[in-house]
Amino acid sequence: MTGVLFSRVKTSGAGARVRCFLPVLAIFLAACSAAGAAPPPTWQYQALRLERSRQNHLLVHVEINGKHAIFGVDTGAPVSAVAFHRRKHFGLAPLPEGSDLPAELRINGGYNRVAIAHRLRIGRLMLVDEPVVVIDLSGPARAAQEYEEEELDGILGADILFPTEAVLDCGKETLFMKVDPDAAGPFPEIGQGGGSTRVPIRVTRGGNLYVDCKLNGKSAQLMLDTGAFTTLIHSSFLAGMHLKMRETPFTSGAVNLDDRTVQLATIRRFAVGHLVSGQFLFGNFTVKEKVVGVMDLTGLIQGELLQGVPPVAGLLGSEFLRRNHAIIDFGNAALYLRR
């Protein structure tokens, strides 16, 4: 079970793949209505305004054990994370003896420890004894300094977004979450709007999100990854398409992996939809002359994924999701796109 944790570009970048077997822990309510009073309908939900960084990442303000923190909202991360150098500041605790959770997670061939945040507050939502992976985010931190971005304290991953049935509006930069896990029905006043294309999301057991696509008519899957600064395609997938590659001054790296050069290519017909036997079902969302980043994603995309039917070809990044007003609905495993 793997997934991109986070990525940035500078003249370097950062990202990671995570192998994890973390169960979802129970959600504790941070806000309670007055005794005997019926809560208003919106009490069960919350809408959090996000900030967008200079590198197109969506940021949310949280609290860890009562201390303020800034997390990147990363749909490519199966588990949430805290920066290694901030673990003492936030008072993260080691796993208790006899815990069923793994003490370490394997990330790109290296191992990172799992710790416990006794109280992780996201708006009105309080998570109690939440497991997080402790990871070196110094690569993204250096990039943040070059681009005058605030340094990240951690990553908000799919292990929290799924159980809260989150809805992430990339265009309006808003994150909707349930604060009452027993609340039934859809979020109030959240509509996908007329003219939206609904694309089913395929969710793996490890918590990764994939959508079907065609690049110049060639079927593939792309990981839905708000942690990727741009859409990145594995160079080997494009082999044989005879595309003109353009050099850039940028490199992108990953935790426990070396930096790699990023090139640019133009995909004449870039389509996202639902493939059945190689054909789109119920239409698709197509962008013509789509410019994508091209790099060697070996280590980020494992061999078995490259051999899938259709194969995983890369990451559908934040620039595409922002430009096409994407809404990611975790509760219903759907992506909505519109122009």
C-alpha atoms as a PDB file:
ATOM      1  CA  MET A   1       0.000   0.000   0.000  1.00  0.00           C
ATOM      2  CA  THR A   2       1.795   3.074  -1.226  1.00  0.00           C
ATOM      3  CA  GLY A   3       1.176   6.716  -1.960  1.00  0.00           C
ATOM      4  CA  VAL A   4       2.862  10.020  -2.590  1.00  0.00           C
ATOM      5  CA  LEU A   5       3.213  11.922   0.665  1.00  0.00           C
ATOM      6  CA  PHE A   6       4.129  15.399  -0.500  1.00  0.00           C
ATOM      7  CA  SER A   7       5.985  17.118  -3.321  1.00  0.00           C
ATOM      8  CA  ARG A   8       7.435  20.509  -4.042  1.00  0.00           C
ATOM      9  CA  VAL A   9       9.478  22.106  -6.761  1.00  0.00           C
ATOM     10  CA  LYS A  10      12.275  24.630  -6.455  1.00  0.00           C
ATOM     11  CA  THR A  11      15.434  23.830  -8.083  1.00  0.00           C
ATOM     12  CA  SER A  12      14.516  20.791  -6.012  1.00  0.00           C
ATOM     13  CA  GLY A  13      11.371  19.251  -4.556  1.00  0.00           C
ATOM     14  CA  ALA A  14      10.136  16.605  -2.201  1.00  0.00           C
ATOM     15  CA  GLY A  15       7.655  13.757  -2.149  1.00  0.00           C
ATOM     16  CA  ALA A  16       7.394  10.305  -0.649  1.00  0.00           C
ATOM     17  CA  ARG A  17       5.765   6.949  -0.987  1.00  0.00           C
ATOM     18  CA  VAL A  18       4.409   5.341   2.111  1.00  0.00           C
ATOM     19  CA  ARG A  19       3.798   1.697   2.987  1.00  0.00           C
ATOM     20  CA  CYS A  20       1.332   1.619   5.821  1.00  0.00           C
ATOM     21  CA  PHE A  21      -1.075  -0.556   7.741  1.00  0.00           C
ATOM     22  CA  LEU A  22      -2.584   2.075  10.032  1.00  0.00           C
ATOM     23  CA  PRO A  23      -6.199   1.551  11.156  1.00  0.00           C
ATOM     24  CA  VAL A  24      -8.499   4.532  11.352  1.00  0.00           C
ATOM     25  CA  LEU A  25      -8.965   5.562  14.977  1.00  0.00           C
ATOM     26  CA  ALA A  26     -12.206   6.793  16.492  1.00  0.00           C
ATOM     27  CA  ILE A  27     -13.211  10.422  16.011  1.00  0.00           C
ATOM     28  CA  PHE A  28     -13.881  12.483  19.124  1.00  0.00           C
ATOM     29  CA  LEU A  29     -16.175  15.518  18.951  1.00  0.00           C
ATOM     30  CA  ALA A  30     -14.556  18.779  19.937  1.00  0.00           C
ATOM     31  CA  ALA A  31     -17.770  20.813  20.077  1.00  0.00           C
ATOM     32  CA  CYS A  32     -20.885  19.916  22.030  1.00  0.00           C
ATOM     33  CA  SER A  33     -24.295  21.547  21.925  1.00  0.00           C
ATOM     34  CA  ALA A  34     -25.923  22.917  25.047  1.00  0.00           C
ATOM     35  CA  ALA A  35     -27.502  20.232  27.195  1.00  0.00           C
ATOM     36  CA  GLY A  36     -30.954  19.393  25.955  1.00  0.00           C
ATOM     37  CA  ALA A  37     -30.755  21.780  23.015  1.00  0.00           C
ATOM     38  CA  ALA A  38     -31.244  20.473  19.489  1.00  0.00           C
ATOM     39  CA  PRO A  39     -28.156  21.303  17.412  1.00  0.00           C
ATOM     40  CA  PRO A  40     -28.610  23.228  14.169  1.00  0.00           C
ATOM     41  CA  PRO A  41     -28.148  21.184  10.959  1.00  0.00           C
ATOM     42  CA  THR A  42     -24.730  22.730  10.277  1.00  0.00           C
ATOM     43  CA  TRP A  43     -23.464  21.695  13.728  1.00  0.00           C
ATOM     44  CA  GLN A  44     -22.613  18.273  12.322  1.00  0.00           C
ATOM     45  CA  TYR A  45     -20.330  19.743   9.673  1.00  0.00           C
ATOM     46  CA  GLN A  46     -17.655  22.370   9.344  1.00  0.00           C
ATOM     47  CA  ALA A  47     -16.222  24.389   6.463  1.00  0.00           C
ATOM     48  CA  LEU A  48     -12.558  25.348   6.787  1.00  0.00           C
ATOM     49  CA  ARG A  49     -11.082  28.092   4.635  1.00  0.00           C
ATOM     50  CA  LEU A  50      -7.706  27.017   3.254  1.00  0.00           C
ATOM     51  CA  GLU A  51      -4.722  29.042   2.162  1.00  0.00           C
ATOM     52  CA  ARG A  52      -2.930  28.462  -1.131  1.00  0.00           C
ATOM     53  CA  SER A  53       0.841  28.600  -1.107  1.00  0.00           C
ATOM     54  CA  ARG A  54       3.005  30.089  -3.825  1.00  0.00           C
ATOM     55  CA  GLN A  55       3.644  26.545  -5.014  1.00  0.00           C
ATOM     56  CA  ASN A  56      -0.060  25.731  -5.337  1.00  0.00           C
ATOM     57  CA  HIS A  57      -0.414  23.685  -2.155  1.00  0.00           C
ATOM     58  CA  LEU A  58      -3.507  23.961   0.026  1.00  0.00           C
ATOM     59  CA  LEU A  59      -2.726  24.712   3.679  1.00  0.00           C
ATOM     60  CA  VAL A  60      -4.883  24.272   6.781  1.00  0.00           C
ATOM     61  CA  HIS A  61      -4.315  25.593  10.310  1.00  0.00           C
ATOM     62  CA  VAL A  62      -4.515  22.929  13.040  1.00  0.00           C
ATOM     63  CA  GLU A  63      -3.472  22.426  16.653  1.00  0.00           C
ATOM     64  CA  ILE A  64      -1.299  19.600  17.971  1.00  0.00           C
ATOM     65  CA  ASN A  65      -1.536  19.203  21.742  1.00  0.00           C
ATOM     66  CA  GLY A  66      -2.665  22.824  21.978  1.00  0.00           C
ATOM     67  CA  LYS A  67       0.075  24.271  19.742  1.00  0.00           C
ATOM     68  CA  HIS A  68      -0.593  25.916  16.374  1.00  0.00           C
ATOM     69  CA  ALA A  69       0.583  24.089  13.252  1.00  0.00           C
ATOM     70  CA  ILE A  70       0.290  24.425   9.471  1.00  0.00           C
ATOM     71  CA  PHE A  71      -0.471  21.262   7.505  1.00  0.00           C
ATOM     72  CA  GLY A  72      -0.553  20.682   3.768  1.00  0.00           C
ATOM     73  CA  VAL A  73      -3.764  18.972   2.602  1.00  0.00           C
ATOM     74  CA  ASP A  74      -2.455  16.006   0.633  1.00  0.00           C
ATOM     75  CA  THR A  75      -4.829  13.554  -1.068  1.00  0.00           C
ATOM     76  CA  GLY A  76      -1.784  11.536  -2.167  1.00  0.00           C
ATOM     77  CA  ALA A  77      -0.795  10.725   1.423  1.00  0.00           C
ATOM     78  CA  PRO A  78      -2.414   7.595   2.895  1.00  0.00           C
ATOM     79  CA  VAL A  79      -1.366   8.682   6.402  1.00  0.00           C
ATOM     80  CA  SER A  80      -0.914  12.030   8.092  1.00  0.00           C
ATOM     81  CA  ALA A  81       2.565  13.173   9.073  1.00  0.00           C
ATOM     82  CA  VAL A  82       4.448  15.593  11.313  1.00  0.00           C
ATOM     83  CA  ALA A  83       7.835  17.110  10.498  1.00  0.00           C
ATOM     84  CA  PHE A  84      10.678  15.289  12.253  1.00  0.00           C
ATOM     85  CA  HIS A  85      12.265  18.431  13.682  1.00  0.00           C
ATOM     86  CA  ARG A  86       8.920  19.524  15.214  1.00  0.00           C
ATOM     87  CA  ARG A  87       8.134  16.305  17.083  1.00  0.00           C
ATOM     88  CA  LYS A  88       9.455  17.576  20.437  1.00  0.00           C
ATOM     89  CA  HIS A  89       7.851  21.004  20.030  1.00  0.00           C
ATOM     90  CA  PHE A  90       4.437  19.374  19.614  1.00  0.00           C
ATOM     91  CA  GLY A  91       5.051  16.809  22.339  1.00  0.00           C
ATOM     92  CA  LEU A  92       4.465  13.726  20.212  1.00  0.00           C
ATOM     93  CA  ALA A  93       4.429  10.530  22.240  1.00  0.00           C
ATOM     94  CA  PRO A  94       5.898   7.130  21.339  1.00  0.00           C
ATOM     95  CA  LEU A  95       3.560   4.243  20.664  1.00  0.00           C
ATOM     96  CA  PRO A  96       2.378   2.635  23.909  1.00  0.00           C
ATOM     97  CA  GLU A  97       3.668  -0.800  24.767  1.00  0.00           C
ATOM     98  CA  GLY A  98       1.568  -3.550  23.288  1.00  0.00           C
ATOM     99  CA  SER A  99       0.152  -1.320  20.541  1.00  0.00           C
ATOM    100  CA  ASP A 100      -1.150  -3.085  17.442  1.00  0.00           C
ATOM    101  CA  LEU A 101       0.216  -0.269  15.282  1.00  0.00           C
ATOM    102  CA  PRO A 102       3.537  -0.731  13.480  1.00  0.00           C
ATOM    103  CA  ALA A 103       6.423   1.106  15.120  1.00  0.00           C
ATOM    104  CA  GLU A 104       7.836   2.140  11.740  1.00  0.00           C
ATOM    105  CA  LEU A 105       6.661   2.638   8.172  1.00  0.00           C
ATOM    106  CA  ARG A 106       8.770   1.947   5.132  1.00  0.00           C
ATOM    107  CA  ILE A 107       9.165   4.991   2.880  1.00  0.00           C
ATOM    108  CA  ASN A 108      11.193   4.651  -0.312  1.00  0.00           C
ATOM    109  CA  GLY A 109      13.366   1.940   1.163  1.00  0.00           C
ATOM    110  CA  GLY A 110      13.940   3.790   4.448  1.00  0.00           C
ATOM    111  CA  TYR A 111      12.022   3.584   7.690  1.00  0.00           C
ATOM    112  CA  ASN A 112      10.227   6.338   9.604  1.00  0.00           C
ATOM    113  CA  ARG A 113       8.797   6.050  13.090  1.00  0.00           C
ATOM    114  CA  VAL A 114       5.147   6.285  14.012  1.00  0.00           C
ATOM    115  CA  ALA A 115       4.199   8.549  16.922  1.00  0.00           C
ATOM    116  CA  ILE A 116       1.010   9.580  18.719  1.00  0.00           C
ATOM    117  CA  ALA A 117      -0.537  13.055  18.770  1.00  0.00           C
ATOM    118  CA  HIS A 118      -2.675  12.944  21.910  1.00  0.00           C
ATOM    119  CA  ARG A 119      -4.897  15.776  20.629  1.00  0.00           C
ATOM    120  CA  LEU A 120      -5.037  16.887  17.014  1.00  0.00           C
ATOM    121  CA  ARG A 121      -7.607  19.649  16.529  1.00  0.00           C
ATOM    122  CA  ILE A 122      -8.824  20.565  13.038  1.00  0.00           C
ATOM    123  CA  GLY A 123     -11.351  23.349  13.426  1.00  0.00           C
ATOM    124  CA  ARG A 124     -14.102  21.920  15.678  1.00  0.00           C
ATOM    125  CA  LEU A 125     -12.939  18.366  15.114  1.00  0.00           C
ATOM    126  CA  MET A 126     -10.736  16.814  17.800  1.00  0.00           C
ATOM    127  CA  LEU A 127      -8.861  13.594  17.088  1.00  0.00           C
ATOM    128  CA  VAL A 128      -7.633  11.789  20.188  1.00  0.00           C
ATOM    129  CA  ASP A 129      -4.461   9.655  20.214  1.00  0.00           C
ATOM    130  CA  GLU A 130      -4.068  10.004  16.465  1.00  0.00           C
ATOM    131  CA  PRO A 131      -1.123   8.083  14.905  1.00  0.00           C
ATOM    132  CA  VAL A 132       1.149  10.093  12.614  1.00  0.00           C
ATOM    133  CA  VAL A 133       4.326   9.240  10.765  1.00  0.00           C
ATOM    134  CA  VAL A 134       7.321  11.374  11.733  1.00  0.00           C
ATOM    135  CA  ILE A 135       9.089  12.374   8.540  1.00  0.00           C
ATOM    136  CA  ASP A 136      11.866  14.660   7.367  1.00  0.00           C
ATOM    137  CA  LEU A 137      10.228  17.595   5.578  1.00  0.00           C
ATOM    138  CA  SER A 138      13.468  19.603   5.366  1.00  0.00           C
ATOM    139  CA  GLY A 139      13.424  19.367   1.564  1.00  0.00           C
ATOM    140  CA  PRO A 140      10.035  21.105   1.365  1.00  0.00           C
ATOM    141  CA  ALA A 141      11.208  23.498   4.093  1.00  0.00           C
ATOM    142  CA  ARG A 142      14.197  24.611   2.023  1.00  0.00           C
ATOM    143  CA  ALA A 143      11.918  25.097  -0.956  1.00  0.00           C
ATOM    144  CA  ALA A 144       9.579  27.119   1.224  1.00  0.00           C
ATOM    145  CA  GLN A 145      12.394  29.468   2.155  1.00  0.00           C
ATOM    146  CA  GLU A 146      13.321  30.045  -1.481  1.00  0.00           C
ATOM    147  CA  TYR A 147       9.725  30.781  -2.425  1.00  0.00           C
ATOM    148  CA  GLU A 148       8.950  32.775   0.726  1.00  0.00           C
ATOM    149  CA  GLU A 149       6.482  30.156   1.922  1.00  0.00           C
ATOM    150  CA  GLU A 150       5.803  29.316   5.516  1.00  0.00           C
ATOM    151  CA  GLU A 151       7.432  26.070   6.547  1.00  0.00           C
ATOM    152  CA  LEU A 152       5.109  23.089   6.885  1.00  0.00           C
ATOM    153  CA  ASP A 153       4.629  21.408  10.229  1.00  0.00           C
ATOM    154  CA  GLY A 154       2.976  18.355   8.735  1.00  0.00           C
ATOM    155  CA  ILE A 155       0.607  16.719   6.268  1.00  0.00           C
ATOM    156  CA  LEU A 156      -3.139  16.056   6.482  1.00  0.00           C
ATOM    157  CA  GLY A 157      -3.664  12.722   4.734  1.00  0.00           C
ATOM    158  CA  ALA A 158      -6.378  10.342   3.592  1.00  0.00           C
ATOM    159  CA  ASP A 159      -6.511   8.550   6.956  1.00  0.00           C
ATOM    160  CA  ILE A 160      -8.369  11.615   8.293  1.00  0.00           C
ATOM    161  CA  LEU A 161     -10.093  12.781   5.108  1.00  0.00           C
ATOM    162  CA  PHE A 162     -11.919   9.483   4.516  1.00  0.00           C
ATOM    163  CA  PRO A 163     -13.529   8.870   7.945  1.00  0.00           C
ATOM    164  CA  THR A 164     -14.714  12.499   8.106  1.00  0.00           C
ATOM    165  CA  GLU A 165     -16.183  12.073   4.584  1.00  0.00           C
ATOM    166  CA  ALA A 166     -14.369  15.236   3.604  1.00  0.00           C
ATOM    167  CA  VAL A 167     -15.215  17.303   0.542  1.00  0.00           C
ATOM    168  CA  LEU A 168     -12.271  19.304  -0.793  1.00  0.00           C
ATOM    169  CA  ASP A 169     -13.161  22.203  -3.080  1.00  0.00           C
ATOM    170  CA  CYS A 170      -9.896  23.020  -4.845  1.00  0.00           C
ATOM    171  CA  GLY A 171     -11.332  26.008  -6.688  1.00  0.00           C
ATOM    172  CA  LYS A 172     -12.916  27.708  -3.681  1.00  0.00           C
ATOM    173  CA  GLU A 173     -10.093  26.558  -1.379  1.00  0.00           C
ATOM    174  CA  THR A 174     -12.460  25.118   1.205  1.00  0.00           C
ATOM    175  CA  LEU A 175     -12.372  21.850   3.135  1.00  0.00           C
ATOM    176  CA  PHE A 176     -15.690  20.482   4.417  1.00  0.00           C
ATOM    177  CA  MET A 177     -15.551  17.823   7.142  1.00  0.00           C
ATOM    178  CA  LYS A 178     -18.027  16.017   9.373  1.00  0.00           C
ATOM    179  CA  VAL A 179     -17.497  16.708  13.051  1.00  0.00           C
ATOM    180  CA  ASP A 180     -20.241  14.230  13.934  1.00  0.00           C
ATOM    181  CA  PRO A 181     -19.366  10.778  12.526  1.00  0.00           C
ATOM    182  CA  ASP A 182     -23.014   9.704  12.872  1.00  0.00           C
ATOM    183  CA  ALA A 183     -24.358  12.584  10.773  1.00  0.00           C
ATOM    184  CA  ALA A 184     -26.340  11.229   7.846  1.00  0.00           C
ATOM    185  CA  GLY A 185     -26.696  12.599   4.366  1.00  0.00           C
ATOM    186  CA  PRO A 186     -24.615  14.957   2.238  1.00  0.00           C
ATOM    187  CA  PHE A 187     -23.041  18.190   3.387  1.00  0.00           C
ATOM    188  CA  PRO A 188     -25.512  21.093   3.374  1.00  0.00           C
ATOM    189  CA  GLU A 189     -25.230  23.700   0.634  1.00  0.00           C
ATOM    190  CA  ILE A 190     -22.507  21.845  -1.236  1.00  0.00           C
ATOM    191  CA  GLY A 191     -23.338  21.260  -4.864  1.00  0.00           C
ATOM    192  CA  GLN A 192     -21.170  20.310  -7.768  1.00  0.00           C
ATOM    193  CA  GLY A 193     -22.973  22.799  -9.986  1.00  0.00           C
ATOM    194  CA  GLY A 194     -24.293  22.504 -13.500  1.00  0.00           C
ATOM    195  CA  GLY A 195     -21.921  21.455 -16.209  1.00  0.00           C
ATOM    196  CA  SER A 196     -19.665  19.400 -13.930  1.00  0.00           C
ATOM    197  CA  THR A 197     -18.202  16.112 -15.107  1.00  0.00           C
ATOM    198  CA  ARG A 198     -18.337  13.378 -12.476  1.00  0.00           C
ATOM    199  CA  VAL A 199     -15.346  11.034 -12.471  1.00  0.00           C
ATOM    200  CA  PRO A 200     -15.353   7.946 -10.209  1.00  0.00           C
ATOM    201  CA  ILE A 201     -12.346   7.601  -7.905  1.00  0.00           C
ATOM    202  CA  ARG A 202     -10.770   4.186  -7.419  1.00  0.00           C
ATOM    203  CA  VAL A 203      -9.593   3.804  -3.813  1.00  0.00           C
ATOM    204  CA  THR A 204      -6.972   1.171  -2.967  1.00  0.00           C
ATOM    205  CA  ARG A 205      -6.781  -0.708   0.319  1.00  0.00           C
ATOM    206  CA  GLY A 206      -3.846   1.513   1.229  1.00  0.00           C
ATOM    207  CA  GLY A 207      -5.895   4.696   0.854  1.00  0.00           C
ATOM    208  CA  ASN A 208      -4.579   5.875  -2.520  1.00  0.00           C
ATOM    209  CA  LEU A 209      -6.936   7.624  -4.970  1.00  0.00           C
ATOM    210  CA  TYR A 210      -6.787   6.960  -8.721  1.00  0.00           C
ATOM    211  CA  VAL A 211      -8.752   8.191 -11.716  1.00  0.00           C
ATOM    212  CA  ASP A 212      -8.844   6.854 -15.277  1.00  0.00           C
ATOM    213  CA  CYS A 213      -7.433   8.904 -18.117  1.00  0.00           C
ATOM    214  CA  LYS A 214      -6.208   8.804 -21.695  1.00  0.00           C
ATOM    215  CA  LEU A 215      -3.067  10.599 -22.820  1.00  0.00           C
ATOM    216  CA  ASN A 216      -3.075  10.989 -26.579  1.00  0.00           C
ATOM    217  CA  GLY A 217      -5.423   7.998 -26.720  1.00  0.00           C
ATOM    218  CA  LYS A 218      -3.284   5.778 -24.450  1.00  0.00           C
ATOM    219  CA  SER A 219      -5.190   4.471 -21.411  1.00  0.00           C
ATOM    220  CA  ALA A 220      -3.727   5.041 -17.953  1.00  0.00           C
ATOM    221  CA  GLN A 221      -4.461   5.792 -14.322  1.00  0.00           C
ATOM    222  CA  LEU A 222      -3.300   8.882 -12.454  1.00  0.00           C
ATOM    223  CA  MET A 223      -2.983   9.256  -8.695  1.00  0.00           C
ATOM    224  CA  LEU A 224      -5.144  12.122  -7.437  1.00  0.00           C
ATOM    225  CA  ASP A 225      -2.537  14.153  -5.571  1.00  0.00           C
ATOM    226  CA  THR A 226      -3.064  17.650  -4.167  1.00  0.00           C
ATOM    227  CA  GLY A 227       0.417  17.340  -2.666  1.00  0.00           C
ATOM    228  CA  ALA A 228       1.982  17.411  -6.144  1.00  0.00           C
ATOM    229  CA  PHE A 229       2.713  20.969  -7.263  1.00  0.00           C
ATOM    230  CA  THR A 230       1.869  20.052 -10.858  1.00  0.00           C
ATOM    231  CA  THR A 231       0.760  17.093 -12.958  1.00  0.00           C
ATOM    232  CA  LEU A 232       3.713  14.738 -13.391  1.00  0.00           C
ATOM    233  CA  ILE A 233       3.919  11.885 -15.914  1.00  0.00           C
ATOM    234  CA  HIS A 234       6.404   9.021 -15.706  1.00  0.00           C
ATOM    235  CA  SER A 235       8.906   9.385 -18.551  1.00  0.00           C
ATOM    236  CA  SER A 236       8.768   5.703 -19.486  1.00  0.00           C
ATOM    237  CA  PHE A 237       4.995   5.888 -20.078  1.00  0.00           C
ATOM    238  CA  LEU A 238       5.504   8.557 -22.742  1.00  0.00           C
ATOM    239  CA  ALA A 239       8.191   6.576 -24.553  1.00  0.00           C
ATOM    240  CA  GLY A 240       7.150   5.950 -28.140  1.00  0.00           C
ATOM    241  CA  MET A 241       4.821   8.952 -28.311  1.00  0.00           C
ATOM    242  CA  HIS A 242       7.545  11.009 -29.991  1.00  0.00           C
ATOM    243  CA  LEU A 243       6.815  14.055 -27.886  1.00  0.00           C
ATOM    244  CA  LYS A 244       9.121  17.041 -27.881  1.00  0.00           C
ATOM    245  CA  MET A 245      10.664  17.437 -24.430  1.00  0.00           C
ATOM    246  CA  ARG A 246      11.576  20.882 -23.137  1.00  0.00           C
ATOM    247  CA  GLU A 247      14.232  21.335 -20.468  1.00  0.00           C
ATOM    248  CA  THR A 248      13.554  23.253 -17.239  1.00  0.00           C
ATOM    249  CA  PRO A 249      15.807  24.497 -14.423  1.00  0.00           C
ATOM    250  CA  PHE A 250      13.745  22.513 -11.910  1.00  0.00           C
ATOM    251  CA  THR A 251      14.327  19.225 -10.152  1.00  0.00           C
ATOM    252  CA  SER A 252      11.985  17.235  -7.936  1.00  0.00           C
ATOM    253  CA  GLY A 253      12.962  14.820  -5.218  1.00  0.00           C
ATOM    254  CA  ALA A 254      11.473  12.475  -2.669  1.00  0.00           C
ATOM    255  CA  VAL A 255      12.099  11.314   0.857  1.00  0.00           C
ATOM    256  CA  ASN A 256      14.992   8.837   0.716  1.00  0.00           C
ATOM    257  CA  LEU A 257      15.326   9.427  -3.041  1.00  0.00           C
ATOM    258  CA  ASP A 258      17.661  11.671  -5.010  1.00  0.00           C
ATOM    259  CA  ASP A 259      16.497  14.766  -6.877  1.00  0.00           C
ATOM    260  CA  ARG A 260      15.599  14.244 -10.534  1.00  0.00           C
ATOM    261  CA  THR A 261      15.236  16.621 -13.433  1.00  0.00           C
ATOM    262  CA  VAL A 262      11.804  17.767 -14.597  1.00  0.00           C
ATOM    263  CA  GLN A 263      11.070  18.295 -18.293  1.00  0.00           C
ATOM    264  CA  LEU A 264       7.940  19.613 -19.959  1.00  0.00           C
ATOM    265  CA  ALA A 265       5.863  18.043 -22.704  1.00  0.00           C
ATOM    266  CA  THR A 266       2.551  18.883 -24.349  1.00  0.00           C
ATOM    267  CA  ILE A 267      -0.138  16.203 -24.438  1.00  0.00           C
ATOM    268  CA  ARG A 268      -2.301  16.916 -27.455  1.00  0.00           C
ATOM    269  CA  ARG A 269      -5.394  15.313 -25.898  1.00  0.00           C
ATOM    270  CA  PHE A 270      -5.515  14.868 -22.120  1.00  0.00           C
ATOM    271  CA  ALA A 271      -8.795  13.236 -21.007  1.00  0.00           C
ATOM    272  CA  VAL A 272     -10.042  12.171 -17.556  1.00  0.00           C
ATOM    273  CA  GLY A 273     -13.090   9.963 -17.095  1.00  0.00           C
ATOM    274  CA  HIS A 274     -14.306   6.425 -16.399  1.00  0.00           C
ATOM    275  CA  LEU A 275     -12.768   3.751 -18.618  1.00  0.00           C
ATOM    276  CA  VAL A 276     -14.489   0.461 -19.340  1.00  0.00           C
ATOM    277  CA  SER A 277     -12.637  -1.904 -21.678  1.00  0.00           C
ATOM    278  CA  GLY A 278     -10.500   1.004 -22.826  1.00  0.00           C
ATOM    279  CA  GLN A 279     -13.453   3.255 -23.659  1.00  0.00           C
ATOM    280  CA  PHE A 280     -14.879   6.185 -21.714  1.00  0.00           C
ATOM    281  CA  LEU A 281     -18.254   5.550 -20.100  1.00  0.00           C
ATOM    282  CA  PHE A 282     -20.681   8.487 -19.756  1.00  0.00           C
ATOM    283  CA  GLY A 283     -18.300  10.993 -21.349  1.00  0.00           C
ATOM    284  CA  ASN A 284     -15.063  12.498 -20.147  1.00  0.00           C
ATOM    285  CA  PHE A 285     -13.350  15.773 -19.256  1.00  0.00           C
ATOM    286  CA  THR A 286     -10.855  16.689 -21.987  1.00  0.00           C
ATOM    287  CA  VAL A 287      -8.113  19.314 -22.090  1.00  0.00           C
ATOM    288  CA  LYS A 288      -6.368  19.994 -25.376  1.00  0.00           C
ATOM    289  CA  GLU A 289      -2.674  20.845 -25.583  1.00  0.00           C
ATOM    290  CA  LYS A 290      -2.113  20.097 -21.903  1.00  0.00           C
ATOM    291  CA  VAL A 291       1.419  20.879 -20.650  1.00  0.00           C
ATOM    292  CA  VAL A 292       2.667  18.328 -18.092  1.00  0.00           C
ATOM    293  CA  GLY A 293       5.840  17.746 -16.136  1.00  0.00           C
ATOM    294  CA  VAL A 294       7.823  14.686 -17.188  1.00  0.00           C
ATOM    295  CA  MET A 295      10.271  12.908 -14.897  1.00  0.00           C
ATOM    296  CA  ASP A 296      11.500   9.513 -13.815  1.00  0.00           C
ATOM    297  CA  LEU A 297       8.988   8.424 -11.176  1.00  0.00           C
ATOM    298  CA  THR A 298      10.713   5.117 -10.415  1.00  0.00           C
ATOM    299  CA  GLY A 299      10.387   4.504  -6.688  1.00  0.00           C
ATOM    300  CA  LEU A 300       7.295   6.697  -6.516  1.00  0.00           C
ATOM    301  CA  ILE A 301       5.382   4.401  -8.865  1.00  0.00           C
ATOM    302  CA  GLN A 302       6.143   0.763  -8.126  1.00  0.00           C
ATOM    303  CA  GLY A 303       6.707  -1.809 -10.857  1.00  0.00           C
ATOM    304  CA  GLU A 304       3.400  -3.620 -10.369  1.00  0.00           C
ATOM    305  CA  LEU A 305       1.504  -0.361 -10.829  1.00  0.00           C
ATOM    306  CA  LEU A 306       3.283   0.265 -14.124  1.00  0.00           C
ATOM    307  CA  GLN A 307       2.137  -3.173 -15.264  1.00  0.00           C
ATOM    308  CA  GLY A 308      -1.497  -2.612 -14.282  1.00  0.00           C
ATOM    309  CA  VAL A 309      -4.437  -2.511 -16.674  1.00  0.00           C
ATOM    310  CA  PRO A 310      -4.437   0.333 -17.340  1.00  0.00           C
ATOM    311  CA  PRO A 311      -1.027   1.241 -15.884  1.00  0.00           C
ATOM    312  CA  VAL A 312      -0.434   4.045 -13.398  1.00  0.00           C
ATOM    313  CA  ALA A 313       1.259   6.783 -15.411  1.00  0.00           C
ATOM    314  CA  GLY A 314       1.778   9.565 -12.886  1.00  0.00           C
ATOM    315  CA  LEU A 315       0.201  12.158 -10.603  1.00  0.00           C
ATOM    316  CA  LEU A 316      -2.775  14.413 -11.306  1.00  0.00           C
ATOM    317  CA  GLY A 317      -1.498  17.494  -9.527  1.00  0.00           C
ATOM    318  CA  SER A 318      -2.763  20.651  -7.882  1.00  0.00           C
ATOM    319  CA  GLU A 319      -2.422  22.937 -10.919  1.00  0.00           C
ATOM    320  CA  PHE A 320      -4.923  20.822 -12.908  1.00  0.00           C
ATOM    321  CA  LEU A 321      -7.301  20.527  -9.954  1.00  0.00           C
ATOM    322  CA  ARG A 322      -7.263  24.256  -9.279  1.00  0.00           C
ATOM    323  CA  ARG A 323      -7.676  25.327 -12.897  1.00  0.00           C
ATOM    324  CA  ASN A 324     -10.600  22.968 -13.465  1.00  0.00           C
ATOM    325  CA  HIS A 325     -12.466  23.794 -10.220  1.00  0.00           C
ATOM    326  CA  ALA A 326     -12.073  20.271  -8.881  1.00  0.00           C
ATOM    327  CA  ILE A 327     -14.222  19.004  -6.012  1.00  0.00           C
ATOM    328  CA  ILE A 328     -12.956  15.815  -4.367  1.00  0.00           C
ATOM    329  CA  ASP A 329     -15.729  13.970  -2.522  1.00  0.00           C
ATOM    330  CA  PHE A 330     -14.202  11.391  -0.173  1.00  0.00           C
ATOM    331  CA  GLY A 331     -17.531  10.138   1.147  1.00  0.00           C
ATOM    332  CA  ASN A 332     -18.763   9.176  -2.325  1.00  0.00           C
ATOM    333  CA  ALA A 333     -15.373   8.520  -3.980  1.00  0.00           C
ATOM    334  CA  ALA A 334     -15.997  11.013  -6.775  1.00  0.00           C
ATOM    335  CA  LEU A 335     -14.113  13.816  -8.509  1.00  0.00           C
ATOM    336  CA  TYR A 336     -16.053  16.680 -10.099  1.00  0.00           C
ATOM    337  CA  LEU A 337     -14.447  18.839 -12.794  1.00  0.00           C
ATOM    338  CA  ARG A 338     -15.764  21.855 -14.669  1.00  0.00           C
ATOM    339  CA  ARG A 339     -14.395  24.654 -16.805  1.00  0.00           C
END
